[in-house]
Amino acid sequence: GRRRLVRHPLPNSLTPLIVAATLGLATAIIDGAGRGFLGLGPPDPRTPEWGTMLTDATKFLRIAPWLIFFPGLAIVISAIGFNLLGDAIRSALNPSSGRR
């Protein structure tokens, strides 16, 4: 009874949970940045947050357009990085992925 439960379903459920967690992190980063951009982020304006940085940088878009580039790039790189990490973990832990 209990041995079968621990031996088969538990190890087989860890891979999807790890992949879902990494994809969830990417979604959380994008959601948090979007809320910060819309002004729905942390109540303390001194809290560093990428969405708030984007909002603040839009005021200086004509003078210094590079200010909006770096927080946006950080959001994109981190979201894509977590997606790629989840994909790599899924491929590494999936025995039927067809790798040779």
PDB file of N, CA and C in Angstrom:
ATOM      1  N   GLY A   1       0.798  -1.182   0.000  1.00  0.00           N
ATOM      2  CA  GLY A   1       0.000   0.000   0.000  1.00  0.00           C
ATOM      3  C   GLY A   1       0.850   1.259   0.000  1.00  0.00           C
ATOM      4  N   ARG A   2       1.407   1.607   1.153  1.00  0.00           N
ATOM      5  CA  ARG A   2       2.123   2.871   1.297  1.00  0.00           C
ATOM      6  C   ARG A   2       3.419   2.872   0.474  1.00  0.00           C
ATOM      7  N   ARG A   3       4.058   1.730   0.372  1.00  0.00           N
ATOM      8  CA  ARG A   3       5.310   1.651  -0.378  1.00  0.00           C
ATOM      9  C   ARG A   3       5.076   1.934  -1.865  1.00  0.00           C
ATOM     10  N   ARG A   4       3.995   1.415  -2.413  1.00  0.00           N
ATOM     11  CA  ARG A   4       3.673   1.679  -3.814  1.00  0.00           C
ATOM     12  C   ARG A   4       3.375   3.155  -4.044  1.00  0.00           C
ATOM     13  N   LEU A   5       2.728   3.760  -3.090  1.00  0.00           N
ATOM     14  CA  LEU A   5       2.391   5.172  -3.217  1.00  0.00           C
ATOM     15  C   LEU A   5       3.644   6.044  -3.235  1.00  0.00           C
ATOM     16  N   VAL A   6       4.614   5.699  -2.415  1.00  0.00           N
ATOM     17  CA  VAL A   6       5.839   6.488  -2.343  1.00  0.00           C
ATOM     18  C   VAL A   6       6.775   6.150  -3.491  1.00  0.00           C
ATOM     19  N   ARG A   7       6.744   4.928  -3.962  1.00  0.00           N
ATOM     20  CA  ARG A   7       7.710   4.496  -4.968  1.00  0.00           C
ATOM     21  C   ARG A   7       7.353   4.938  -6.387  1.00  0.00           C
ATOM     22  N   HIS A   8       6.083   5.011  -6.737  1.00  0.00           N
ATOM     23  CA  HIS A   8       5.716   5.318  -8.123  1.00  0.00           C
ATOM     24  C   HIS A   8       5.122   6.712  -8.324  1.00  0.00           C
ATOM     25  N   PRO A   9       4.010   7.052  -7.723  1.00  0.00           N
ATOM     26  CA  PRO A   9       3.408   8.355  -8.020  1.00  0.00           C
ATOM     27  C   PRO A   9       4.229   9.549  -7.529  1.00  0.00           C
ATOM     28  N   LEU A  10       4.851   9.434  -6.375  1.00  0.00           N
ATOM     29  CA  LEU A  10       5.583  10.570  -5.839  1.00  0.00           C
ATOM     30  C   LEU A  10       6.757  10.986  -6.724  1.00  0.00           C
ATOM     31  N   PRO A  11       7.654  10.092  -7.124  1.00  0.00           N
ATOM     32  CA  PRO A  11       8.741  10.525  -8.021  1.00  0.00           C
ATOM     33  C   PRO A  11       8.238  11.003  -9.384  1.00  0.00           C
ATOM     34  N   ASN A  12       7.162  10.418  -9.873  1.00  0.00           N
ATOM     35  CA  ASN A  12       6.632  10.833 -11.168  1.00  0.00           C
ATOM     36  C   ASN A  12       5.921  12.173 -11.106  1.00  0.00           C
ATOM     37  N   SER A  13       5.523  12.603  -9.935  1.00  0.00           N
ATOM     38  CA  SER A  13       4.842  13.889  -9.825  1.00  0.00           C
ATOM     39  C   SER A  13       5.807  15.036  -9.561  1.00  0.00           C
ATOM     40  N   LEU A  14       7.054  14.742  -9.203  1.00  0.00           N
ATOM     41  CA  LEU A  14       7.999  15.812  -8.914  1.00  0.00           C
ATOM     42  C   LEU A  14       8.387  16.610 -10.150  1.00  0.00           C
ATOM     43  N   THR A  15       8.584  15.965 -11.276  1.00  0.00           N
ATOM     44  CA  THR A  15       8.971  16.674 -12.500  1.00  0.00           C
ATOM     45  C   THR A  15       7.928  17.704 -12.914  1.00  0.00           C
ATOM     46  N   PRO A  16       6.649  17.350 -13.025  1.00  0.00           N
ATOM     47  CA  PRO A  16       5.665  18.384 -13.383  1.00  0.00           C
ATOM     48  C   PRO A  16       5.566  19.493 -12.343  1.00  0.00           C
ATOM     49  N   LEU A  17       5.761  19.175 -11.073  1.00  0.00           N
ATOM     50  CA  LEU A  17       5.704  20.214 -10.044  1.00  0.00           C
ATOM     51  C   LEU A  17       6.863  21.196 -10.169  1.00  0.00           C
ATOM     52  N   ILE A  18       8.060  20.693 -10.443  1.00  0.00           N
ATOM     53  CA  ILE A  18       9.223  21.566 -10.610  1.00  0.00           C
ATOM     54  C   ILE A  18       9.053  22.448 -11.841  1.00  0.00           C
ATOM     55  N   VAL A  19       8.594  21.873 -12.932  1.00  0.00           N
ATOM     56  CA  VAL A  19       8.385  22.643 -14.159  1.00  0.00           C
ATOM     57  C   VAL A  19       7.301  23.695 -13.948  1.00  0.00           C
ATOM     58  N   ALA A  20       6.214  23.327 -13.294  1.00  0.00           N
ATOM     59  CA  ALA A  20       5.146  24.294 -13.023  1.00  0.00           C
ATOM     60  C   ALA A  20       5.639  25.423 -12.130  1.00  0.00           C
ATOM     61  N   ALA A  21       6.516  25.112 -11.187  1.00  0.00           N
ATOM     62  CA  ALA A  21       7.055  26.148 -10.304  1.00  0.00           C
ATOM     63  C   ALA A  21       7.916  27.141 -11.074  1.00  0.00           C
ATOM     64  N   THR A  22       8.772  26.657 -11.979  1.00  0.00           N
ATOM     65  CA  THR A  22       9.620  27.579 -12.735  1.00  0.00           C
ATOM     66  C   THR A  22       8.784  28.432 -13.691  1.00  0.00           C
ATOM     67  N   LEU A  23       7.778  27.840 -14.323  1.00  0.00           N
ATOM     68  CA  LEU A  23       6.917  28.622 -15.198  1.00  0.00           C
ATOM     69  C   LEU A  23       6.073  29.608 -14.399  1.00  0.00           C
ATOM     70  N   GLY A  24       5.693  29.217 -13.187  1.00  0.00           N
ATOM     71  CA  GLY A  24       4.956  30.118 -12.314  1.00  0.00           C
ATOM     72  C   GLY A  24       5.789  31.315 -11.878  1.00  0.00           C
ATOM     73  N   LEU A  25       7.098  31.094 -11.689  1.00  0.00           N
ATOM     74  CA  LEU A  25       7.979  32.210 -11.346  1.00  0.00           C
ATOM     75  C   LEU A  25       8.046  33.236 -12.468  1.00  0.00           C
ATOM     76  N   ALA A  26       8.144  32.765 -13.701  1.00  0.00           N
ATOM     77  CA  ALA A  26       8.170  33.689 -14.840  1.00  0.00           C
ATOM     78  C   ALA A  26       6.866  34.482 -14.914  1.00  0.00           C
ATOM     79  N   THR A  27       5.753  33.818 -14.693  1.00  0.00           N
ATOM     80  CA  THR A  27       4.464  34.509 -14.711  1.00  0.00           C
ATOM     81  C   THR A  27       4.367  35.512 -13.568  1.00  0.00           C
ATOM     82  N   ALA A  28       4.873  35.150 -12.399  1.00  0.00           N
ATOM     83  CA  ALA A  28       4.836  36.056 -11.252  1.00  0.00           C
ATOM     84  C   ALA A  28       5.682  37.302 -11.499  1.00  0.00           C
ATOM     85  N   ILE A  29       6.804  37.146 -12.164  1.00  0.00           N
ATOM     86  CA  ILE A  29       7.654  38.300 -12.475  1.00  0.00           C
ATOM     87  C   ILE A  29       6.926  39.253 -13.413  1.00  0.00           C
ATOM     88  N   ILE A  30       6.323  38.711 -14.453  1.00  0.00           N
ATOM     89  CA  ILE A  30       5.601  39.548 -15.410  1.00  0.00           C
ATOM     90  C   ILE A  30       4.377  40.188 -14.759  1.00  0.00           C
ATOM     91  N   ASP A  31       3.645  39.437 -13.944  1.00  0.00           N
ATOM     92  CA  ASP A  31       2.480  39.986 -13.257  1.00  0.00           C
ATOM     93  C   ASP A  31       2.875  41.096 -12.290  1.00  0.00           C
ATOM     94  N   GLY A  32       3.927  40.865 -11.526  1.00  0.00           N
ATOM     95  CA  GLY A  32       4.381  41.882 -10.577  1.00  0.00           C
ATOM     96  C   GLY A  32       4.842  43.150 -11.272  1.00  0.00           C
ATOM     97  N   ALA A  33       5.560  42.994 -12.371  1.00  0.00           N
ATOM     98  CA  ALA A  33       6.020  44.168 -13.115  1.00  0.00           C
ATOM     99  C   ALA A  33       4.833  44.912 -13.732  1.00  0.00           C
ATOM    100  N   GLY A  34       3.853  44.172 -14.206  1.00  0.00           N
ATOM    101  CA  GLY A  34       2.665  44.821 -14.770  1.00  0.00           C
ATOM    102  C   GLY A  34       1.882  45.586 -13.717  1.00  0.00           C
ATOM    103  N   ARG A  35       1.732  44.996 -12.543  1.00  0.00           N
ATOM    104  CA  ARG A  35       1.037  45.708 -11.461  1.00  0.00           C
ATOM    105  C   ARG A  35       1.808  46.950 -11.041  1.00  0.00           C
ATOM    106  N   GLY A  36       3.124  46.831 -10.950  1.00  0.00           N
ATOM    107  CA  GLY A  36       3.937  47.990 -10.592  1.00  0.00           C
ATOM    108  C   GLY A  36       3.842  49.081 -11.639  1.00  0.00           C
ATOM    109  N   PHE A  37       3.802  48.697 -12.897  1.00  0.00           N
ATOM    110  CA  PHE A  37       3.688  49.678 -13.976  1.00  0.00           C
ATOM    111  C   PHE A  37       2.357  50.412 -13.919  1.00  0.00           C
ATOM    112  N   LEU A  38       1.314  49.699 -13.539  1.00  0.00           N
ATOM    113  CA  LEU A  38      -0.016  50.317 -13.447  1.00  0.00           C
ATOM    114  C   LEU A  38      -0.223  51.078 -12.139  1.00  0.00           C
ATOM    115  N   GLY A  39       0.756  51.029 -11.255  1.00  0.00           N
ATOM    116  CA  GLY A  39       0.636  51.731  -9.989  1.00  0.00           C
ATOM    117  C   GLY A  39      -0.011  50.903  -8.898  1.00  0.00           C
ATOM    118  N   LEU A  40      -0.142  49.613  -9.114  1.00  0.00           N
ATOM    119  CA  LEU A  40      -0.767  48.734  -8.132  1.00  0.00           C
ATOM    120  C   LEU A  40       0.266  47.902  -7.375  1.00  0.00           C
ATOM    121  N   GLY A  41       1.506  48.338  -7.394  1.00  0.00           N
ATOM    122  CA  GLY A  41       2.579  47.606  -6.748  1.00  0.00           C
ATOM    123  C   GLY A  41       2.673  47.903  -5.271  1.00  0.00           C
ATOM    124  N   PRO A  42       3.877  47.816  -4.708  1.00  0.00           N
ATOM    125  CA  PRO A  42       4.061  48.059  -3.282  1.00  0.00           C
ATOM    126  C   PRO A  42       3.677  49.488  -2.909  1.00  0.00           C
ATOM    127  N   PRO A  43       3.100  49.673  -1.725  1.00  0.00           N
ATOM    128  CA  PRO A  43       2.663  51.015  -1.342  1.00  0.00           C
ATOM    129  C   PRO A  43       3.824  51.974  -1.063  1.00  0.00           C
ATOM    130  N   ASP A  44       4.970  51.459  -0.652  1.00  0.00           N
ATOM    131  CA  ASP A  44       6.121  52.315  -0.381  1.00  0.00           C
ATOM    132  C   ASP A  44       6.818  52.656  -1.694  1.00  0.00           C
ATOM    133  N   PRO A  45       6.872  53.932  -2.080  1.00  0.00           N
ATOM    134  CA  PRO A  45       7.485  54.283  -3.374  1.00  0.00           C
ATOM    135  C   PRO A  45       8.993  54.041  -3.418  1.00  0.00           C
ATOM    136  N   ARG A  46       9.623  53.829  -2.282  1.00  0.00           N
ATOM    137  CA  ARG A  46      11.065  53.572  -2.276  1.00  0.00           C
ATOM    138  C   ARG A  46      11.400  52.114  -2.538  1.00  0.00           C
ATOM    139  N   THR A  47      10.388  51.256  -2.648  1.00  0.00           N
ATOM    140  CA  THR A  47      10.621  49.838  -2.906  1.00  0.00           C
ATOM    141  C   THR A  47      11.073  49.663  -4.354  1.00  0.00           C
ATOM    142  N   PRO A  48      12.258  49.090  -4.570  1.00  0.00           N
ATOM    143  CA  PRO A  48      12.710  48.887  -5.957  1.00  0.00           C
ATOM    144  C   PRO A  48      11.894  47.779  -6.624  1.00  0.00           C
ATOM    145  N   GLU A  49      11.311  48.110  -7.752  1.00  0.00           N
ATOM    146  CA  GLU A  49      10.454  47.156  -8.463  1.00  0.00           C
ATOM    147  C   GLU A  49      10.499  47.512  -9.938  1.00  0.00           C
ATOM    148  N   TRP A  50      10.627  46.519 -10.802  1.00  0.00           N
ATOM    149  CA  TRP A  50      10.832  46.784 -12.227  1.00  0.00           C
ATOM    150  C   TRP A  50       9.669  47.526 -12.864  1.00  0.00           C
ATOM    151  N   GLY A  51       8.452  47.201 -12.506  1.00  0.00           N
ATOM    152  CA  GLY A  51       7.303  47.897 -13.087  1.00  0.00           C
ATOM    153  C   GLY A  51       7.275  49.364 -12.712  1.00  0.00           C
ATOM    154  N   THR A  52       7.607  49.677 -11.467  1.00  0.00           N
ATOM    155  CA  THR A  52       7.656  51.075 -11.031  1.00  0.00           C
ATOM    156  C   THR A  52       8.797  51.803 -11.719  1.00  0.00           C
ATOM    157  N   MET A  53       9.910  51.101 -11.931  1.00  0.00           N
ATOM    158  CA  MET A  53      11.025  51.713 -12.653  1.00  0.00           C
ATOM    159  C   MET A  53      10.611  52.070 -14.078  1.00  0.00           C
ATOM    160  N   LEU A  54       9.821  51.197 -14.713  1.00  0.00           N
ATOM    161  CA  LEU A  54       9.332  51.499 -16.063  1.00  0.00           C
ATOM    162  C   LEU A  54       8.419  52.724 -16.058  1.00  0.00           C
ATOM    163  N   THR A  55       7.544  52.808 -15.073  1.00  0.00           N
ATOM    164  CA  THR A  55       6.645  53.965 -14.973  1.00  0.00           C
ATOM    165  C   THR A  55       7.439  55.245 -14.773  1.00  0.00           C
ATOM    166  N   ASP A  56       8.426  55.201 -13.878  1.00  0.00           N
ATOM    167  CA  ASP A  56       9.245  56.394 -13.637  1.00  0.00           C
ATOM    168  C   ASP A  56      10.056  56.775 -14.870  1.00  0.00           C
ATOM    169  N   ALA A  57      10.502  55.789 -15.622  1.00  0.00           N
ATOM    170  CA  ALA A  57      11.330  56.056 -16.800  1.00  0.00           C
ATOM    171  C   ALA A  57      10.517  56.657 -17.943  1.00  0.00           C
ATOM    172  N   THR A  58       9.211  56.420 -17.986  1.00  0.00           N
ATOM    173  CA  THR A  58       8.405  56.981 -19.084  1.00  0.00           C
ATOM    174  C   THR A  58       8.348  58.506 -19.018  1.00  0.00           C
ATOM    175  N   LYS A  59       8.588  59.076 -17.847  1.00  0.00           N
ATOM    176  CA  LYS A  59       8.608  60.537 -17.721  1.00  0.00           C
ATOM    177  C   LYS A  59       9.795  61.142 -18.462  1.00  0.00           C
ATOM    178  N   PHE A  60      10.858  60.369 -18.592  1.00  0.00           N
ATOM    179  CA  PHE A  60      12.084  60.854 -19.222  1.00  0.00           C
ATOM    180  C   PHE A  60      12.345  60.187 -20.563  1.00  0.00           C
ATOM    181  N   LEU A  61      11.286  59.721 -21.211  1.00  0.00           N
ATOM    182  CA  LEU A  61      11.448  58.952 -22.446  1.00  0.00           C
ATOM    183  C   LEU A  61      12.090  59.768 -23.561  1.00  0.00           C
ATOM    184  N   ARG A  62      11.736  61.027 -23.678  1.00  0.00           N
ATOM    185  CA  ARG A  62      12.318  61.854 -24.746  1.00  0.00           C
ATOM    186  C   ARG A  62      13.761  62.252 -24.453  1.00  0.00           C
ATOM    187  N   ILE A  63      14.078  62.443 -23.196  1.00  0.00           N
ATOM    188  CA  ILE A  63      15.421  62.906 -22.823  1.00  0.00           C
ATOM    189  C   ILE A  63      16.402  61.735 -22.733  1.00  0.00           C
ATOM    190  N   ALA A  64      15.978  60.655 -22.063  1.00  0.00           N
ATOM    191  CA  ALA A  64      16.864  59.514 -21.818  1.00  0.00           C
ATOM    192  C   ALA A  64      16.107  58.212 -22.075  1.00  0.00           C
ATOM    193  N   PRO A  65      15.959  57.806 -23.332  1.00  0.00           N
ATOM    194  CA  PRO A  65      15.176  56.594 -23.630  1.00  0.00           C
ATOM    195  C   PRO A  65      15.802  55.308 -23.107  1.00  0.00           C
ATOM    196  N   TRP A  66      17.089  55.312 -22.799  1.00  0.00           N
ATOM    197  CA  TRP A  66      17.732  54.095 -22.287  1.00  0.00           C
ATOM    198  C   TRP A  66      17.261  53.744 -20.878  1.00  0.00           C
ATOM    199  N   LEU A  67      16.658  54.689 -20.175  1.00  0.00           N
ATOM    200  CA  LEU A  67      16.170  54.402 -18.828  1.00  0.00           C
ATOM    201  C   LEU A  67      15.050  53.368 -18.829  1.00  0.00           C
ATOM    202  N   ILE A  68      14.279  53.323 -19.901  1.00  0.00           N
ATOM    203  CA  ILE A  68      13.194  52.342 -19.989  1.00  0.00           C
ATOM    204  C   ILE A  68      13.705  51.000 -20.509  1.00  0.00           C
ATOM    205  N   PHE A  69      14.849  51.020 -21.161  1.00  0.00           N
ATOM    206  CA  PHE A  69      15.386  49.811 -21.769  1.00  0.00           C
ATOM    207  C   PHE A  69      15.854  48.791 -20.728  1.00  0.00           C
ATOM    208  N   PHE A  70      16.564  49.236 -19.704  1.00  0.00           N
ATOM    209  CA  PHE A  70      17.183  48.298 -18.767  1.00  0.00           C
ATOM    210  C   PHE A  70      16.187  47.576 -17.859  1.00  0.00           C
ATOM    211  N   PRO A  71      15.202  48.246 -17.260  1.00  0.00           N
ATOM    212  CA  PRO A  71      14.218  47.463 -16.489  1.00  0.00           C
ATOM    213  C   PRO A  71      13.406  46.515 -17.373  1.00  0.00           C
ATOM    214  N   GLY A  72      13.075  46.965 -18.584  1.00  0.00           N
ATOM    215  CA  GLY A  72      12.348  46.089 -19.512  1.00  0.00           C
ATOM    216  C   GLY A  72      13.179  44.884 -19.911  1.00  0.00           C
ATOM    217  N   LEU A  73      14.452  45.104 -20.145  1.00  0.00           N
ATOM    218  CA  LEU A  73      15.353  44.001 -20.485  1.00  0.00           C
ATOM    219  C   LEU A  73      15.496  43.028 -19.319  1.00  0.00           C
ATOM    220  N   ALA A  74      15.549  43.542 -18.102  1.00  0.00           N
ATOM    221  CA  ALA A  74      15.647  42.674 -16.926  1.00  0.00           C
ATOM    222  C   ALA A  74      14.407  41.801 -16.794  1.00  0.00           C
ATOM    223  N   ILE A  75      13.238  42.361 -17.058  1.00  0.00           N
ATOM    224  CA  ILE A  75      11.991  41.592 -16.995  1.00  0.00           C
ATOM    225  C   ILE A  75      11.997  40.484 -18.050  1.00  0.00           C
ATOM    226  N   VAL A  76      12.365  40.844 -19.262  1.00  0.00           N
ATOM    227  CA  VAL A  76      12.363  39.873 -20.360  1.00  0.00           C
ATOM    228  C   VAL A  76      13.378  38.758 -20.117  1.00  0.00           C
ATOM    229  N   ILE A  77      14.589  39.128 -19.719  1.00  0.00           N
ATOM    230  CA  ILE A  77      15.630  38.115 -19.512  1.00  0.00           C
ATOM    231  C   ILE A  77      15.258  37.172 -18.377  1.00  0.00           C
ATOM    232  N   SER A  78      14.731  37.708 -17.288  1.00  0.00           N
ATOM    233  CA  SER A  78      14.382  36.832 -16.169  1.00  0.00           C
ATOM    234  C   SER A  78      13.204  35.929 -16.510  1.00  0.00           C
ATOM    235  N   ALA A  79      12.201  36.448 -17.199  1.00  0.00           N
ATOM    236  CA  ALA A  79      11.048  35.615 -17.571  1.00  0.00           C
ATOM    237  C   ALA A  79      11.458  34.520 -18.558  1.00  0.00           C
ATOM    238  N   ILE A  80      12.226  34.882 -19.570  1.00  0.00           N
ATOM    239  CA  ILE A  80      12.681  33.882 -20.539  1.00  0.00           C
ATOM    240  C   ILE A  80      13.622  32.887 -19.866  1.00  0.00           C
ATOM    241  N   GLY A  81      14.459  33.372 -18.959  1.00  0.00           N
ATOM    242  CA  GLY A  81      15.376  32.490 -18.246  1.00  0.00           C
ATOM    243  C   GLY A  81      14.646  31.432 -17.435  1.00  0.00           C
ATOM    244  N   PHE A  82      13.610  31.833 -16.710  1.00  0.00           N
ATOM    245  CA  PHE A  82      12.846  30.852 -15.942  1.00  0.00           C
ATOM    246  C   PHE A  82      12.092  29.889 -16.849  1.00  0.00           C
ATOM    247  N   ASN A  83      11.588  30.374 -17.979  1.00  0.00           N
ATOM    248  CA  ASN A  83      10.928  29.475 -18.934  1.00  0.00           C
ATOM    249  C   ASN A  83      11.910  28.456 -19.500  1.00  0.00           C
ATOM    250  N   LEU A  84      13.102  28.913 -19.861  1.00  0.00           N
ATOM    251  CA  LEU A  84      14.114  27.994 -20.380  1.00  0.00           C
ATOM    252  C   LEU A  84      14.581  27.012 -19.313  1.00  0.00           C
ATOM    253  N   LEU A  85      14.686  27.476 -18.074  1.00  0.00           N
ATOM    254  CA  LEU A  85      15.058  26.588 -16.979  1.00  0.00           C
ATOM    255  C   LEU A  85      14.015  25.490 -16.791  1.00  0.00           C
ATOM    256  N   GLY A  86      12.745  25.865 -16.812  1.00  0.00           N
ATOM    257  CA  GLY A  86      11.678  24.865 -16.697  1.00  0.00           C
ATOM    258  C   GLY A  86      11.689  23.880 -17.843  1.00  0.00           C
ATOM    259  N   ASP A  87      11.941  24.366 -19.049  1.00  0.00           N
ATOM    260  CA  ASP A  87      12.007  23.482 -20.214  1.00  0.00           C
ATOM    261  C   ASP A  87      13.198  22.538 -20.116  1.00  0.00           C
ATOM    262  N   ALA A  88      14.342  23.040 -19.650  1.00  0.00           N
ATOM    263  CA  ALA A  88      15.526  22.192 -19.511  1.00  0.00           C
ATOM    264  C   ALA A  88      15.322  21.131 -18.433  1.00  0.00           C
ATOM    265  N   ILE A  89      14.698  21.511 -17.330  1.00  0.00           N
ATOM    266  CA  ILE A  89      14.431  20.533 -16.271  1.00  0.00           C
ATOM    267  C   ILE A  89      13.471  19.466 -16.770  1.00  0.00           C
ATOM    268  N   ARG A  90      12.452  19.889 -17.510  1.00  0.00           N
ATOM    269  CA  ARG A  90      11.495  18.916 -18.055  1.00  0.00           C
ATOM    270  C   ARG A  90      12.192  17.954 -19.006  1.00  0.00           C
ATOM    271  N   SER A  91      13.056  18.475 -19.857  1.00  0.00           N
ATOM    272  CA  SER A  91      13.755  17.604 -20.806  1.00  0.00           C
ATOM    273  C   SER A  91      14.735  16.673 -20.087  1.00  0.00           C
ATOM    274  N   ALA A  92      15.389  17.163 -19.047  1.00  0.00           N
ATOM    275  CA  ALA A  92      16.378  16.345 -18.344  1.00  0.00           C
ATOM    276  C   ALA A  92      15.704  15.247 -17.510  1.00  0.00           C
ATOM    277  N   LEU A  93      14.557  15.514 -16.974  1.00  0.00           N
ATOM    278  CA  LEU A  93      13.914  14.554 -16.087  1.00  0.00           C
ATOM    279  C   LEU A  93      12.869  13.663 -16.782  1.00  0.00           C
ATOM    280  N   ASN A  94      12.629  13.916 -18.049  1.00  0.00           N
ATOM    281  CA  ASN A  94      11.640  13.135 -18.784  1.00  0.00           C
ATOM    282  C   ASN A  94      12.355  11.984 -19.486  1.00  0.00           C
ATOM    283  N   PRO A  95      12.180  10.767 -19.044  1.00  0.00           N
ATOM    284  CA  PRO A  95      12.892   9.639 -19.652  1.00  0.00           C
ATOM    285  C   PRO A  95      12.414   9.316 -21.069  1.00  0.00           C
ATOM    286  N   SER A  96      11.235   9.720 -21.436  1.00  0.00           N
ATOM    287  CA  SER A  96      10.714   9.412 -22.773  1.00  0.00           C
ATOM    288  C   SER A  96      10.832  10.588 -23.707  1.00  0.00           C
ATOM    289  N   SER A  97      11.814  11.477 -23.478  1.00  0.00           N
ATOM    290  CA  SER A  97      11.943  12.665 -24.328  1.00  0.00           C
ATOM    291  C   SER A  97      12.554  12.355 -25.685  1.00  0.00           C
ATOM    292  N   GLY A  98      13.106  11.152 -25.868  1.00  0.00           N
ATOM    293  CA  GLY A  98      13.645  10.759 -27.152  1.00  0.00           C
ATOM    294  C   GLY A  98      15.070  11.200 -27.374  1.00  0.00           C
ATOM    295  N   ARG A  99      15.772  11.605 -26.328  1.00  0.00           N
ATOM    296  CA  ARG A  99      17.183  11.983 -26.471  1.00  0.00           C
ATOM    297  C   ARG A  99      18.020  10.718 -26.655  1.00  0.00           C
ATOM    298  N   ARG A 100      19.085  10.853 -27.429  1.00  0.00           N
ATOM    299  CA  ARG A 100      19.954   9.693 -27.666  1.00  0.00           C
ATOM    300  C   ARG A 100      21.350   9.992 -27.270  1.00  0.00           C
TER     301      ARG A 100
END
